[in-house]
Amino acid sequence: MKIELNNEPVSLSDDTKSVAELLADRGVKSGGTAVSVNNRIVRHSDWEHTMLHEGDRVVIITAAFGG
């Protein structure tokens, strides 16, 4: 499946179907992370149930901590 991830074209394995699986595949930790799919924020509680589809536009933003 092909999606756009942070404005870059990406091919996903057939195993990647949900937002949670995408984040796990990419090694993204859930703390301090926001996700939108097709310009709609996906709540953390919905990551497991939000399925990705061909051509979806996904944005992942991770907060940086430190000083």
N, C-alpha and C. Protein backbone atom coordinates (compact mmCIF):
# COMPACT_ATOMS: atom_id res chain seq x y z
N MET A 1 0.85 -1.17 0.00
CA MET A 1 0.00 0.00 0.00
C MET A 1 0.90 1.24 0.00
N LYS A 2 0.50 2.24 -0.75
CA LYS A 2 1.26 3.48 -0.81
C LYS A 2 0.47 4.59 -0.12
N ILE A 3 1.17 5.32 0.76
CA ILE A 3 0.59 6.47 1.44
C ILE A 3 1.58 7.62 1.34
N GLU A 4 1.15 8.78 1.80
CA GLU A 4 2.04 9.92 1.94
C GLU A 4 2.26 10.11 3.43
N LEU A 5 3.51 10.02 3.87
CA LEU A 5 3.86 10.16 5.28
C LEU A 5 4.74 11.38 5.46
N ASN A 6 4.24 12.36 6.17
CA ASN A 6 4.97 13.62 6.38
C ASN A 6 5.48 14.18 5.04
N ASN A 7 4.57 14.22 4.07
CA ASN A 7 4.81 14.80 2.74
C ASN A 7 5.79 14.01 1.88
N GLU A 8 6.04 12.75 2.22
CA GLU A 8 6.92 11.88 1.43
C GLU A 8 6.15 10.62 1.04
N PRO A 9 6.27 10.17 -0.21
CA PRO A 9 5.62 8.91 -0.59
C PRO A 9 6.30 7.73 0.11
N VAL A 10 5.49 6.82 0.65
CA VAL A 10 6.00 5.67 1.38
C VAL A 10 5.19 4.43 0.97
N SER A 11 5.89 3.33 0.79
CA SER A 11 5.23 2.05 0.56
C SER A 11 5.24 1.27 1.86
N LEU A 12 4.08 0.79 2.25
CA LEU A 12 3.96 0.03 3.49
C LEU A 12 3.82 -1.45 3.18
N SER A 13 4.27 -2.27 4.13
CA SER A 13 4.09 -3.71 3.98
C SER A 13 2.60 -4.03 4.09
N ASP A 14 2.23 -5.16 3.59
CA ASP A 14 0.82 -5.56 3.64
C ASP A 14 0.33 -5.77 5.07
N ASP A 15 1.26 -5.96 6.02
CA ASP A 15 0.90 -6.16 7.42
C ASP A 15 0.46 -4.87 8.10
N THR A 16 0.87 -3.73 7.55
CA THR A 16 0.56 -2.44 8.17
C THR A 16 -0.83 -2.00 7.73
N LYS A 17 -1.75 -1.97 8.67
CA LYS A 17 -3.12 -1.61 8.33
C LYS A 17 -3.68 -0.49 9.20
N SER A 18 -3.20 -0.35 10.43
CA SER A 18 -3.74 0.68 11.33
C SER A 18 -2.67 1.72 11.64
N VAL A 19 -3.11 2.84 12.20
CA VAL A 19 -2.18 3.88 12.63
C VAL A 19 -1.22 3.31 13.67
N ALA A 20 -1.72 2.52 14.61
CA ALA A 20 -0.86 1.93 15.65
C ALA A 20 0.22 1.05 15.02
N GLU A 21 -0.14 0.26 14.01
CA GLU A 21 0.84 -0.60 13.34
C GLU A 21 1.87 0.22 12.57
N LEU A 22 1.44 1.32 11.96
CA LEU A 22 2.37 2.20 11.26
C LEU A 22 3.40 2.76 12.23
N LEU A 23 2.93 3.25 13.38
CA LEU A 23 3.84 3.81 14.37
C LEU A 23 4.81 2.75 14.88
N ALA A 24 4.31 1.55 15.13
CA ALA A 24 5.18 0.47 15.61
C ALA A 24 6.23 0.11 14.54
N ASP A 25 5.81 0.04 13.28
CA ASP A 25 6.74 -0.27 12.19
C ASP A 25 7.83 0.78 12.06
N ARG A 26 7.47 2.02 12.34
CA ARG A 26 8.42 3.14 12.22
C ARG A 26 9.21 3.39 13.50
N GLY A 27 8.90 2.64 14.56
CA GLY A 27 9.62 2.80 15.83
C GLY A 27 9.27 4.09 16.56
N VAL A 28 8.07 4.60 16.32
CA VAL A 28 7.63 5.85 16.96
C VAL A 28 6.95 5.52 18.28
N LYS A 29 7.43 6.13 19.35
CA LYS A 29 6.82 5.93 20.66
C LYS A 29 5.55 6.77 20.76
N SER A 30 4.58 6.29 21.52
CA SER A 30 3.28 6.97 21.58
C SER A 30 3.32 8.24 22.43
N GLY A 31 4.20 8.33 23.39
CA GLY A 31 4.27 9.51 24.26
C GLY A 31 4.70 10.74 23.50
N GLY A 32 3.95 11.80 23.61
CA GLY A 32 4.29 13.06 22.96
C GLY A 32 4.12 13.04 21.45
N THR A 33 3.28 12.14 20.95
CA THR A 33 3.09 11.99 19.50
C THR A 33 1.65 12.33 19.12
N ALA A 34 1.52 13.08 18.03
CA ALA A 34 0.21 13.39 17.47
C ALA A 34 0.19 12.86 16.04
N VAL A 35 -0.98 12.38 15.62
CA VAL A 35 -1.13 11.81 14.28
C VAL A 35 -2.38 12.39 13.63
N SER A 36 -2.24 12.73 12.35
CA SER A 36 -3.43 13.08 11.57
C SER A 36 -3.45 12.23 10.31
N VAL A 37 -4.65 11.88 9.89
CA VAL A 37 -4.85 11.14 8.65
C VAL A 37 -5.82 11.95 7.80
N ASN A 38 -5.36 12.33 6.63
CA ASN A 38 -6.17 13.15 5.71
C ASN A 38 -6.70 14.41 6.40
N ASN A 39 -5.79 15.09 7.09
CA ASN A 39 -6.06 16.37 7.76
C ASN A 39 -7.02 16.28 8.94
N ARG A 40 -7.20 15.09 9.51
CA ARG A 40 -8.04 14.91 10.70
C ARG A 40 -7.20 14.29 11.80
N ILE A 41 -7.18 14.94 12.95
CA ILE A 41 -6.44 14.41 14.10
C ILE A 41 -7.04 13.07 14.52
N VAL A 42 -6.17 12.10 14.78
CA VAL A 42 -6.61 10.79 15.27
C VAL A 42 -6.23 10.70 16.74
N ARG A 43 -7.21 10.55 17.59
CA ARG A 43 -6.96 10.46 19.03
C ARG A 43 -6.20 9.18 19.34
N HIS A 44 -5.34 9.27 20.34
CA HIS A 44 -4.52 8.13 20.74
C HIS A 44 -5.39 6.89 20.97
N SER A 45 -6.52 7.06 21.57
CA SER A 45 -7.41 5.93 21.86
C SER A 45 -7.98 5.28 20.59
N ASP A 46 -7.88 5.97 19.45
CA ASP A 46 -8.40 5.45 18.19
C ASP A 46 -7.32 4.88 17.26
N TRP A 47 -6.06 4.94 17.64
CA TRP A 47 -4.98 4.50 16.77
C TRP A 47 -5.13 3.05 16.35
N GLU A 48 -5.52 2.18 17.27
CA GLU A 48 -5.67 0.75 16.96
C GLU A 48 -6.78 0.50 15.93
N HIS A 49 -7.80 1.35 15.95
CA HIS A 49 -8.99 1.12 15.14
C HIS A 49 -9.05 1.97 13.87
N THR A 50 -8.09 2.87 13.71
CA THR A 50 -8.07 3.72 12.52
C THR A 50 -7.25 3.03 11.44
N MET A 51 -7.95 2.53 10.43
CA MET A 51 -7.31 1.79 9.35
C MET A 51 -6.79 2.73 8.26
N LEU A 52 -5.64 2.39 7.72
CA LEU A 52 -5.05 3.16 6.64
C LEU A 52 -5.49 2.57 5.31
N HIS A 53 -5.59 3.46 4.31
CA HIS A 53 -6.02 3.06 2.97
C HIS A 53 -5.06 3.65 1.94
N GLU A 54 -5.04 3.05 0.79
CA GLU A 54 -4.21 3.51 -0.32
C GLU A 54 -4.42 5.01 -0.53
N GLY A 55 -3.30 5.75 -0.61
CA GLY A 55 -3.36 7.18 -0.90
C GLY A 55 -3.59 8.08 0.30
N ASP A 56 -3.74 7.51 1.50
CA ASP A 56 -3.94 8.35 2.69
C ASP A 56 -2.75 9.27 2.91
N ARG A 57 -3.04 10.45 3.45
CA ARG A 57 -2.00 11.42 3.83
C ARG A 57 -1.89 11.40 5.34
N VAL A 58 -0.75 10.93 5.84
CA VAL A 58 -0.52 10.79 7.27
C VAL A 58 0.57 11.76 7.70
N VAL A 59 0.32 12.45 8.81
CA VAL A 59 1.33 13.31 9.42
C VAL A 59 1.54 12.85 10.83
N ILE A 60 2.81 12.63 11.18
CA ILE A 60 3.20 12.25 12.54
C ILE A 60 4.07 13.35 13.09
N ILE A 61 3.67 13.88 14.25
CA ILE A 61 4.45 14.92 14.92
C ILE A 61 4.82 14.40 16.30
N THR A 62 6.12 14.47 16.60
CA THR A 62 6.60 14.03 17.90
C THR A 62 7.24 15.21 18.61
N ALA A 63 6.82 15.45 19.84
CA ALA A 63 7.38 16.54 20.63
C ALA A 63 8.81 16.23 21.02
N ALA A 64 9.66 17.26 21.00
CA ALA A 64 11.05 17.11 21.42
C ALA A 64 11.18 17.67 22.83
N PHE A 65 11.77 16.89 23.70
CA PHE A 65 11.96 17.32 25.08
C PHE A 65 13.44 17.63 25.31
N GLY A 66 13.68 18.49 26.26
CA GLY A 66 15.06 18.81 26.60
C GLY A 66 15.29 20.30 26.63
N GLY A 67 16.47 20.66 26.81
CA GLY A 67 16.72 22.08 26.91
C GLY A 67 18.06 22.37 26.47
